[in-house]
């Protein structure tokens, strides 16, 4: 990590803090769809507004699915009855 200009503090800076009250580690069925998608939108906004200029020595790229892609995947797994 250090060779790439990263340390734990920098990684914490890059981490979006979810507003969800429950963990998604077990299943998405425990979180209402509207609340989950609202948090996805907040994450997208947070990453879009993040000040990357402070980290010009670090190669930064992030991948957050589009909201429409998130909705399709959510619906596919919920409709199939699969654990997410």
C-alpha atoms as a PDB file:
ATOM      1  CA  UNK A   1       0.000   0.000   0.000  1.00  0.00           C
ATOM      2  CA  UNK A   2       2.688   2.485   0.977  1.00  0.00           C
ATOM      3  CA  UNK A   3       4.440   2.032  -2.360  1.00  0.00           C
ATOM      4  CA  UNK A   4       1.216   3.242  -4.026  1.00  0.00           C
ATOM      5  CA  UNK A   5       0.883   6.215  -1.670  1.00  0.00           C
ATOM      6  CA  UNK A   6      -1.792   4.597   0.477  1.00  0.00           C
ATOM      7  CA  UNK A   7      -2.096   4.204   4.216  1.00  0.00           C
ATOM      8  CA  UNK A   8      -4.989   3.373   6.537  1.00  0.00           C
ATOM      9  CA  UNK A   9      -5.932   7.027   7.050  1.00  0.00           C
ATOM     10  CA  UNK A  10      -6.154   7.579   3.294  1.00  0.00           C
ATOM     11  CA  UNK A  11      -8.291   4.467   2.872  1.00  0.00           C
ATOM     12  CA  UNK A  12     -10.592   5.714   5.629  1.00  0.00           C
ATOM     13  CA  UNK A  13     -10.872   9.053   3.814  1.00  0.00           C
ATOM     14  CA  UNK A  14     -11.955   7.217   0.640  1.00  0.00           C
ATOM     15  CA  UNK A  15     -14.552   5.093   2.440  1.00  0.00           C
ATOM     16  CA  UNK A  16     -18.195   6.097   2.227  1.00  0.00           C
ATOM     17  CA  UNK A  17     -19.951   5.799   5.590  1.00  0.00           C
ATOM     18  CA  UNK A  18     -23.353   4.256   5.008  1.00  0.00           C
ATOM     19  CA  UNK A  19     -26.414   5.657   6.700  1.00  0.00           C
ATOM     20  CA  UNK A  20     -28.040   2.219   6.849  1.00  0.00           C
ATOM     21  CA  UNK A  21     -28.830   1.087  10.342  1.00  0.00           C
ATOM     22  CA  UNK A  22     -28.348  -2.616   9.659  1.00  0.00           C
ATOM     23  CA  UNK A  23     -25.516  -4.582   8.109  1.00  0.00           C
ATOM     24  CA  UNK A  24     -25.806  -6.025   4.623  1.00  0.00           C
ATOM     25  CA  UNK A  25     -23.499  -8.914   5.514  1.00  0.00           C
ATOM     26  CA  UNK A  26     -26.345 -11.411   5.855  1.00  0.00           C
ATOM     27  CA  UNK A  27     -29.092 -10.405   3.436  1.00  0.00           C
ATOM     28  CA  UNK A  28     -30.592  -7.431   1.660  1.00  0.00           C
ATOM     29  CA  UNK A  29     -34.063  -8.605   2.605  1.00  0.00           C
ATOM     30  CA  UNK A  30     -33.559  -6.930   5.980  1.00  0.00           C
ATOM     31  CA  UNK A  31     -33.380  -3.486   4.378  1.00  0.00           C
ATOM     32  CA  UNK A  32     -36.258  -1.829   2.559  1.00  0.00           C
ATOM     33  CA  UNK A  33     -35.530  -1.357  -1.123  1.00  0.00           C
ATOM     34  CA  UNK A  34     -36.240   2.392  -1.067  1.00  0.00           C
ATOM     35  CA  UNK A  35     -33.872   2.920   1.876  1.00  0.00           C
ATOM     36  CA  UNK A  36     -31.139   0.851   0.221  1.00  0.00           C
ATOM     37  CA  UNK A  37     -31.427   2.739  -3.073  1.00  0.00           C
ATOM     38  CA  UNK A  38     -31.414   6.063  -1.256  1.00  0.00           C
ATOM     39  CA  UNK A  39     -28.103   5.051   0.306  1.00  0.00           C
ATOM     40  CA  UNK A  40     -26.737   4.021  -3.114  1.00  0.00           C
ATOM     41  CA  UNK A  41     -27.612   7.506  -4.378  1.00  0.00           C
ATOM     42  CA  UNK A  42     -25.916   9.106  -1.370  1.00  0.00           C
ATOM     43  CA  UNK A  43     -22.785   7.045  -2.022  1.00  0.00           C
ATOM     44  CA  UNK A  44     -22.700   8.120  -5.676  1.00  0.00           C
ATOM     45  CA  UNK A  45     -23.072  11.777  -4.673  1.00  0.00           C
ATOM     46  CA  UNK A  46     -20.401  11.425  -1.981  1.00  0.00           C
ATOM     47  CA  UNK A  47     -17.858   9.959  -4.418  1.00  0.00           C
ATOM     48  CA  UNK A  48     -18.734  12.555  -7.081  1.00  0.00           C
ATOM     49  CA  UNK A  49     -18.178  15.417  -4.595  1.00  0.00           C
ATOM     50  CA  UNK A  50     -15.043  13.953  -2.969  1.00  0.00           C
ATOM     51  CA  UNK A  51     -11.954  16.216  -3.176  1.00  0.00           C
ATOM     52  CA  UNK A  52      -9.499  13.926  -4.956  1.00  0.00           C
ATOM     53  CA  UNK A  53      -6.983  16.753  -5.485  1.00  0.00           C
ATOM     54  CA  UNK A  54      -5.521  16.122  -2.019  1.00  0.00           C
ATOM     55  CA  UNK A  55      -4.477  12.655  -3.194  1.00  0.00           C
ATOM     56  CA  UNK A  56      -2.798  13.420  -6.515  1.00  0.00           C
ATOM     57  CA  UNK A  57      -0.025  10.886  -5.854  1.00  0.00           C
ATOM     58  CA  UNK A  58      -2.503   8.033  -5.553  1.00  0.00           C
ATOM     59  CA  UNK A  59      -4.065   6.390  -8.598  1.00  0.00           C
ATOM     60  CA  UNK A  60      -7.738   6.623  -7.684  1.00  0.00           C
ATOM     61  CA  UNK A  61     -10.654   5.034  -9.409  1.00  0.00           C
ATOM     62  CA  UNK A  62     -13.947   3.934  -7.972  1.00  0.00           C
ATOM     63  CA  UNK A  63     -16.674   1.713  -9.270  1.00  0.00           C
ATOM     64  CA  UNK A  64     -20.197   2.189  -8.038  1.00  0.00           C
ATOM     65  CA  UNK A  65     -22.940   0.545 -10.040  1.00  0.00           C
ATOM     66  CA  UNK A  66     -25.479   2.819 -11.604  1.00  0.00           C
ATOM     67  CA  UNK A  67     -28.735   3.080  -9.718  1.00  0.00           C
ATOM     68  CA  UNK A  68     -30.612   1.331 -12.546  1.00  0.00           C
ATOM     69  CA  UNK A  69     -28.109  -1.539 -12.474  1.00  0.00           C
ATOM     70  CA  UNK A  70     -28.469  -1.789  -8.697  1.00  0.00           C
ATOM     71  CA  UNK A  71     -32.265  -1.934  -9.010  1.00  0.00           C
ATOM     72  CA  UNK A  72     -32.116  -4.680 -11.664  1.00  0.00           C
ATOM     73  CA  UNK A  73     -29.744  -6.799  -9.597  1.00  0.00           C
ATOM     74  CA  UNK A  74     -31.785  -6.277  -6.423  1.00  0.00           C
ATOM     75  CA  UNK A  75     -35.014  -7.267  -8.197  1.00  0.00           C
ATOM     76  CA  UNK A  76     -33.429 -10.299  -9.872  1.00  0.00           C
ATOM     77  CA  UNK A  77     -32.218 -11.763  -6.593  1.00  0.00           C
ATOM     78  CA  UNK A  78     -35.302 -10.890  -4.555  1.00  0.00           C
ATOM     79  CA  UNK A  79     -37.613 -12.329  -7.223  1.00  0.00           C
ATOM     80  CA  UNK A  80     -35.498 -15.497  -7.445  1.00  0.00           C
ATOM     81  CA  UNK A  81     -35.637 -15.919  -3.664  1.00  0.00           C
ATOM     82  CA  UNK A  82     -31.857 -16.115  -3.492  1.00  0.00           C
ATOM     83  CA  UNK A  83     -29.942 -14.819  -0.479  1.00  0.00           C
ATOM     84  CA  UNK A  84     -28.151 -11.605  -1.368  1.00  0.00           C
END
